[in-house]
Amino acid sequence: MTRVALLERLKELQGMPKFQKRDICTVSAFLPMDALAKHVALCEEAVGVKPDATQRQPNGYPSAC
């Protein structure tokens, strides 16, 4: 998954009721790619959304392409 795709996913998660009063996007400006992927995954887990396993590498992080 590209950085842009991760940021789009984070923006979708920001709109969910659990995160509407919290800013989960600003931190993405300085996170490296692997940390951003983990941040998105943790936010998905927090709202009960299952991450898309088809786009994950064996190490658990999304692919760069």
PDB file of N, CA and C in Angstrom:
ATOM      1  N   MET A   1       0.848  -1.160   0.000  1.00  0.00           N
ATOM      2  CA  MET A   1       0.000   0.000   0.000  1.00  0.00           C
ATOM      3  C   MET A   1       0.901   1.234   0.000  1.00  0.00           C
ATOM      4  N   THR A   2       0.558   2.211  -0.772  1.00  0.00           N
ATOM      5  CA  THR A   2       1.373   3.427  -0.852  1.00  0.00           C
ATOM      6  C   THR A   2       1.080   4.345   0.335  1.00  0.00           C
ATOM      7  N   ARG A   3       1.938   5.321   0.517  1.00  0.00           N
ATOM      8  CA  ARG A   3       1.724   6.305   1.586  1.00  0.00           C
ATOM      9  C   ARG A   3       0.405   7.045   1.373  1.00  0.00           C
ATOM     10  N   VAL A   4       0.120   7.384   0.144  1.00  0.00           N
ATOM     11  CA  VAL A   4      -1.130   8.086  -0.170  1.00  0.00           C
ATOM     12  C   VAL A   4      -2.335   7.232   0.215  1.00  0.00           C
ATOM     13  N   ALA A   5      -2.283   5.948  -0.101  1.00  0.00           N
ATOM     14  CA  ALA A   5      -3.384   5.046   0.243  1.00  0.00           C
ATOM     15  C   ALA A   5      -3.553   4.942   1.760  1.00  0.00           C
ATOM     16  N   LEU A   6      -2.442   4.891   2.486  1.00  0.00           N
ATOM     17  CA  LEU A   6      -2.510   4.843   3.943  1.00  0.00           C
ATOM     18  C   LEU A   6      -3.120   6.128   4.501  1.00  0.00           C
ATOM     19  N   LEU A   7      -2.735   7.271   3.949  1.00  0.00           N
ATOM     20  CA  LEU A   7      -3.282   8.545   4.410  1.00  0.00           C
ATOM     21  C   LEU A   7      -4.769   8.654   4.106  1.00  0.00           C
ATOM     22  N   GLU A   8      -5.192   8.133   2.957  1.00  0.00           N
ATOM     23  CA  GLU A   8      -6.614   8.125   2.622  1.00  0.00           C
ATOM     24  C   GLU A   8      -7.388   7.246   3.600  1.00  0.00           C
ATOM     25  N   ARG A   9      -6.816   6.102   3.939  1.00  0.00           N
ATOM     26  CA  ARG A   9      -7.459   5.201   4.893  1.00  0.00           C
ATOM     27  C   ARG A   9      -7.554   5.861   6.267  1.00  0.00           C
ATOM     28  N   LEU A  10      -6.510   6.552   6.661  1.00  0.00           N
ATOM     29  CA  LEU A  10      -6.515   7.252   7.940  1.00  0.00           C
ATOM     30  C   LEU A  10      -7.588   8.341   7.963  1.00  0.00           C
ATOM     31  N   LYS A  11      -7.744   9.022   6.853  1.00  0.00           N
ATOM     32  CA  LYS A  11      -8.775  10.061   6.749  1.00  0.00           C
ATOM     33  C   LYS A  11     -10.170   9.445   6.900  1.00  0.00           C
ATOM     34  N   GLU A  12     -10.387   8.264   6.311  1.00  0.00           N
ATOM     35  CA  GLU A  12     -11.665   7.560   6.469  1.00  0.00           C
ATOM     36  C   GLU A  12     -11.897   7.202   7.936  1.00  0.00           C
ATOM     37  N   LEU A  13     -10.861   6.711   8.589  1.00  0.00           N
ATOM     38  CA  LEU A  13     -10.970   6.334   9.995  1.00  0.00           C
ATOM     39  C   LEU A  13     -11.250   7.552  10.876  1.00  0.00           C
ATOM     40  N   GLN A  14     -10.688   8.698  10.515  1.00  0.00           N
ATOM     41  CA  GLN A  14     -10.905   9.931  11.281  1.00  0.00           C
ATOM     42  C   GLN A  14     -12.386  10.277  11.356  1.00  0.00           C
ATOM     43  N   GLY A  15     -13.141   9.918  10.338  1.00  0.00           N
ATOM     44  CA  GLY A  15     -14.566  10.223  10.306  1.00  0.00           C
ATOM     45  C   GLY A  15     -15.432   9.279  11.119  1.00  0.00           C
ATOM     46  N   MET A  16     -14.874   8.213  11.628  1.00  0.00           N
ATOM     47  CA  MET A  16     -15.652   7.255  12.418  1.00  0.00           C
ATOM     48  C   MET A  16     -15.911   7.817  13.812  1.00  0.00           C
ATOM     49  N   PRO A  17     -17.044   7.436  14.415  1.00  0.00           N
ATOM     50  CA  PRO A  17     -17.438   8.005  15.716  1.00  0.00           C
ATOM     51  C   PRO A  17     -16.352   7.940  16.796  1.00  0.00           C
ATOM     52  N   LYS A  18     -15.589   6.884  16.847  1.00  0.00           N
ATOM     53  CA  LYS A  18     -14.563   6.743  17.891  1.00  0.00           C
ATOM     54  C   LYS A  18     -13.493   7.836  17.798  1.00  0.00           C
ATOM     55  N   PHE A  19     -13.209   8.320  16.598  1.00  0.00           N
ATOM     56  CA  PHE A  19     -12.123   9.278  16.399  1.00  0.00           C
ATOM     57  C   PHE A  19     -12.599  10.684  16.036  1.00  0.00           C
ATOM     58  N   GLN A  20     -13.896  10.930  16.012  1.00  0.00           N
ATOM     59  CA  GLN A  20     -14.371  12.241  15.587  1.00  0.00           C
ATOM     60  C   GLN A  20     -13.886  13.387  16.472  1.00  0.00           C
ATOM     61  N   LYS A  21     -13.654  13.136  17.738  1.00  0.00           N
ATOM     62  CA  LYS A  21     -13.185  14.193  18.637  1.00  0.00           C
ATOM     63  C   LYS A  21     -11.695  14.095  18.921  1.00  0.00           C
ATOM     64  N   ARG A  22     -10.998  13.249  18.152  1.00  0.00           N
ATOM     65  CA  ARG A  22      -9.549  13.075  18.320  1.00  0.00           C
ATOM     66  C   ARG A  22      -8.867  13.283  16.974  1.00  0.00           C
ATOM     67  N   ASP A  23      -7.681  13.800  16.997  1.00  0.00           N
ATOM     68  CA  ASP A  23      -6.914  14.008  15.768  1.00  0.00           C
ATOM     69  C   ASP A  23      -5.937  12.847  15.594  1.00  0.00           C
ATOM     70  N   ILE A  24      -6.242  11.958  14.657  1.00  0.00           N
ATOM     71  CA  ILE A  24      -5.348  10.821  14.400  1.00  0.00           C
ATOM     72  C   ILE A  24      -4.533  11.032  13.130  1.00  0.00           C
ATOM     73  N   CYS A  25      -4.725  12.170  12.467  1.00  0.00           N
ATOM     74  CA  CYS A  25      -4.069  12.401  11.175  1.00  0.00           C
ATOM     75  C   CYS A  25      -2.792  13.240  11.254  1.00  0.00           C
ATOM     76  N   THR A  26      -2.732  14.205  12.138  1.00  0.00           N
ATOM     77  CA  THR A  26      -1.596  15.117  12.188  1.00  0.00           C
ATOM     78  C   THR A  26      -0.282  14.383  12.398  1.00  0.00           C
ATOM     79  N   VAL A  27      -0.289  13.367  13.237  1.00  0.00           N
ATOM     80  CA  VAL A  27       0.934  12.606  13.521  1.00  0.00           C
ATOM     81  C   VAL A  27       1.504  11.984  12.240  1.00  0.00           C
ATOM     82  N   SER A  28       0.681  11.743  11.249  1.00  0.00           N
ATOM     83  CA  SER A  28       1.136  11.095  10.013  1.00  0.00           C
ATOM     84  C   SER A  28       2.151  11.937   9.239  1.00  0.00           C
ATOM     85  N   ALA A  29       2.204  13.225   9.507  1.00  0.00           N
ATOM     86  CA  ALA A  29       3.122  14.101   8.782  1.00  0.00           C
ATOM     87  C   ALA A  29       4.588  13.760   9.018  1.00  0.00           C
ATOM     88  N   PHE A  30       4.913  13.236  10.179  1.00  0.00           N
ATOM     89  CA  PHE A  30       6.319  12.946  10.461  1.00  0.00           C
ATOM     90  C   PHE A  30       6.621  11.467  10.685  1.00  0.00           C
ATOM     91  N   LEU A  31       5.631  10.600  10.495  1.00  0.00           N
ATOM     92  CA  LEU A  31       5.881   9.169  10.669  1.00  0.00           C
ATOM     93  C   LEU A  31       6.532   8.561   9.428  1.00  0.00           C
ATOM     94  N   PRO A  32       7.534   7.721   9.615  1.00  0.00           N
ATOM     95  CA  PRO A  32       8.066   6.979   8.469  1.00  0.00           C
ATOM     96  C   PRO A  32       7.012   5.973   7.994  1.00  0.00           C
ATOM     97  N   MET A  33       7.208   5.450   6.818  1.00  0.00           N
ATOM     98  CA  MET A  33       6.221   4.581   6.179  1.00  0.00           C
ATOM     99  C   MET A  33       5.806   3.401   7.063  1.00  0.00           C
ATOM    100  N   ASP A  34       6.758   2.708   7.666  1.00  0.00           N
ATOM    101  CA  ASP A  34       6.402   1.536   8.472  1.00  0.00           C
ATOM    102  C   ASP A  34       5.617   1.930   9.722  1.00  0.00           C
ATOM    103  N   ALA A  35       5.961   3.054  10.331  1.00  0.00           N
ATOM    104  CA  ALA A  35       5.227   3.523  11.505  1.00  0.00           C
ATOM    105  C   ALA A  35       3.825   3.993  11.121  1.00  0.00           C
ATOM    106  N   LEU A  36       3.691   4.615   9.964  1.00  0.00           N
ATOM    107  CA  LEU A  36       2.379   5.040   9.480  1.00  0.00           C
ATOM    108  C   LEU A  36       1.484   3.828   9.245  1.00  0.00           C
ATOM    109  N   ALA A  37       2.040   2.787   8.659  1.00  0.00           N
ATOM    110  CA  ALA A  37       1.278   1.561   8.424  1.00  0.00           C
ATOM    111  C   ALA A  37       0.796   0.962   9.742  1.00  0.00           C
ATOM    112  N   LYS A  38       1.662   0.965  10.733  1.00  0.00           N
ATOM    113  CA  LYS A  38       1.283   0.425  12.042  1.00  0.00           C
ATOM    114  C   LYS A  38       0.223   1.306  12.703  1.00  0.00           C
ATOM    115  N   HIS A  39       0.355   2.617  12.578  1.00  0.00           N
ATOM    116  CA  HIS A  39      -0.625   3.559  13.133  1.00  0.00           C
ATOM    117  C   HIS A  39      -2.001   3.306  12.518  1.00  0.00           C
ATOM    118  N   VAL A  40      -2.056   3.155  11.206  1.00  0.00           N
ATOM    119  CA  VAL A  40      -3.325   2.882  10.527  1.00  0.00           C
ATOM    120  C   VAL A  40      -3.903   1.553  11.016  1.00  0.00           C
ATOM    121  N   ALA A  41      -3.054   0.531  11.111  1.00  0.00           N
ATOM    122  CA  ALA A  41      -3.517  -0.781  11.566  1.00  0.00           C
ATOM    123  C   ALA A  41      -4.072  -0.711  12.988  1.00  0.00           C
ATOM    124  N   LEU A  42      -3.395   0.012  13.872  1.00  0.00           N
ATOM    125  CA  LEU A  42      -3.870   0.140  15.248  1.00  0.00           C
ATOM    126  C   LEU A  42      -5.180   0.918  15.328  1.00  0.00           C
ATOM    127  N   CYS A  43      -5.330   1.930  14.492  1.00  0.00           N
ATOM    128  CA  CYS A  43      -6.579   2.691  14.458  1.00  0.00           C
ATOM    129  C   CYS A  43      -7.713   1.819  13.922  1.00  0.00           C
ATOM    130  N   GLU A  44      -7.415   1.007  12.899  1.00  0.00           N
ATOM    131  CA  GLU A  44      -8.421   0.084  12.377  1.00  0.00           C
ATOM    132  C   GLU A  44      -8.845  -0.906  13.454  1.00  0.00           C
ATOM    133  N   GLU A  45      -7.884  -1.417  14.178  1.00  0.00           N
ATOM    134  CA  GLU A  45      -8.169  -2.366  15.253  1.00  0.00           C
ATOM    135  C   GLU A  45      -9.027  -1.711  16.342  1.00  0.00           C
ATOM    136  N   ALA A  46      -8.753  -0.454  16.649  1.00  0.00           N
ATOM    137  CA  ALA A  46      -9.481   0.255  17.696  1.00  0.00           C
ATOM    138  C   ALA A  46     -10.957   0.437  17.353  1.00  0.00           C
ATOM    139  N   VAL A  47     -11.268   0.577  16.073  1.00  0.00           N
ATOM    140  CA  VAL A  47     -12.671   0.738  15.681  1.00  0.00           C
ATOM    141  C   VAL A  47     -13.311  -0.580  15.271  1.00  0.00           C
ATOM    142  N   GLY A  48     -12.522  -1.647  15.297  1.00  0.00           N
ATOM    143  CA  GLY A  48     -13.073  -2.959  14.972  1.00  0.00           C
ATOM    144  C   GLY A  48     -13.120  -3.268  13.494  1.00  0.00           C
ATOM    145  N   VAL A  49     -12.340  -2.547  12.705  1.00  0.00           N
ATOM    146  CA  VAL A  49     -12.256  -2.794  11.273  1.00  0.00           C
ATOM    147  C   VAL A  49     -11.089  -3.723  11.021  1.00  0.00           C
ATOM    148  N   LYS A  50     -11.317  -4.769  10.273  1.00  0.00           N
ATOM    149  CA  LYS A  50     -10.244  -5.711   9.981  1.00  0.00           C
ATOM    150  C   LYS A  50      -9.396  -5.152   8.833  1.00  0.00           C
ATOM    151  N   PRO A  51      -8.081  -5.047   9.019  1.00  0.00           N
ATOM    152  CA  PRO A  51      -7.202  -4.572   7.942  1.00  0.00           C
ATOM    153  C   PRO A  51      -7.272  -5.498   6.735  1.00  0.00           C
ATOM    154  N   ASP A  52      -7.059  -4.940   5.568  1.00  0.00           N
ATOM    155  CA  ASP A  52      -7.092  -5.719   4.327  1.00  0.00           C
ATOM    156  C   ASP A  52      -5.837  -6.575   4.233  1.00  0.00           C
ATOM    157  N   ALA A  53      -5.955  -7.852   4.510  1.00  0.00           N
ATOM    158  CA  ALA A  53      -4.815  -8.771   4.544  1.00  0.00           C
ATOM    159  C   ALA A  53      -4.191  -8.989   3.171  1.00  0.00           C
ATOM    160  N   THR A  54      -4.912  -8.732   2.101  1.00  0.00           N
ATOM    161  CA  THR A  54      -4.369  -8.962   0.758  1.00  0.00           C
ATOM    162  C   THR A  54      -3.265  -7.978   0.424  1.00  0.00           C
ATOM    163  N   GLN A  55      -3.208  -6.854   1.120  1.00  0.00           N
ATOM    164  CA  GLN A  55      -2.205  -5.843   0.821  1.00  0.00           C
ATOM    165  C   GLN A  55      -1.087  -5.837   1.854  1.00  0.00           C
ATOM    166  N   ARG A  56      -1.016  -6.847   2.682  1.00  0.00           N
ATOM    167  CA  ARG A  56       0.001  -6.919   3.722  1.00  0.00           C
ATOM    168  C   ARG A  56       1.159  -7.800   3.292  1.00  0.00           C
ATOM    169  N   GLN A  57       2.334  -7.435   3.735  1.00  0.00           N
ATOM    170  CA  GLN A  57       3.510  -8.255   3.526  1.00  0.00           C
ATOM    171  C   GLN A  57       3.593  -9.241   4.687  1.00  0.00           C
ATOM    172  N   PRO A  58       4.417 -10.259   4.583  1.00  0.00           N
ATOM    173  CA  PRO A  58       4.559 -11.219   5.688  1.00  0.00           C
ATOM    174  C   PRO A  58       4.947 -10.581   7.015  1.00  0.00           C
ATOM    175  N   ASN A  59       5.642  -9.448   6.992  1.00  0.00           N
ATOM    176  CA  ASN A  59       6.041  -8.796   8.237  1.00  0.00           C
ATOM    177  C   ASN A  59       4.906  -8.011   8.873  1.00  0.00           C
ATOM    178  N   GLY A  60       3.731  -7.982   8.234  1.00  0.00           N
ATOM    179  CA  GLY A  60       2.570  -7.309   8.798  1.00  0.00           C
ATOM    180  C   GLY A  60       2.387  -5.889   8.330  1.00  0.00           C
ATOM    181  N   TYR A  61       3.332  -5.373   7.572  1.00  0.00           N
ATOM    182  CA  TYR A  61       3.210  -4.006   7.089  1.00  0.00           C
ATOM    183  C   TYR A  61       2.706  -4.010   5.651  1.00  0.00           C
ATOM    184  N   PRO A  62       1.975  -2.964   5.250  1.00  0.00           N
ATOM    185  CA  PRO A  62       1.542  -2.886   3.856  1.00  0.00           C
ATOM    186  C   PRO A  62       2.741  -2.758   2.928  1.00  0.00           C
ATOM    187  N   SER A  63       2.559  -3.187   1.714  1.00  0.00           N
ATOM    188  CA  SER A  63       3.645  -3.065   0.745  1.00  0.00           C
ATOM    189  C   SER A  63       3.816  -1.621   0.332  1.00  0.00           C
ATOM    190  N   ALA A  64       4.996  -1.259  -0.140  1.00  0.00           N
ATOM    191  CA  ALA A  64       5.283   0.109  -0.545  1.00  0.00           C
ATOM    192  C   ALA A  64       4.719   0.436  -1.921  1.00  0.00           C
ATOM    193  N   CYS A  65       4.364  -0.566  -2.681  1.00  0.00           N
ATOM    194  CA  CYS A  65       3.856  -0.321  -4.036  1.00  0.00           C
ATOM    195  C   CYS A  65       2.457  -0.852  -4.219  1.00  0.00           C
TER     196      CYS A  65
END
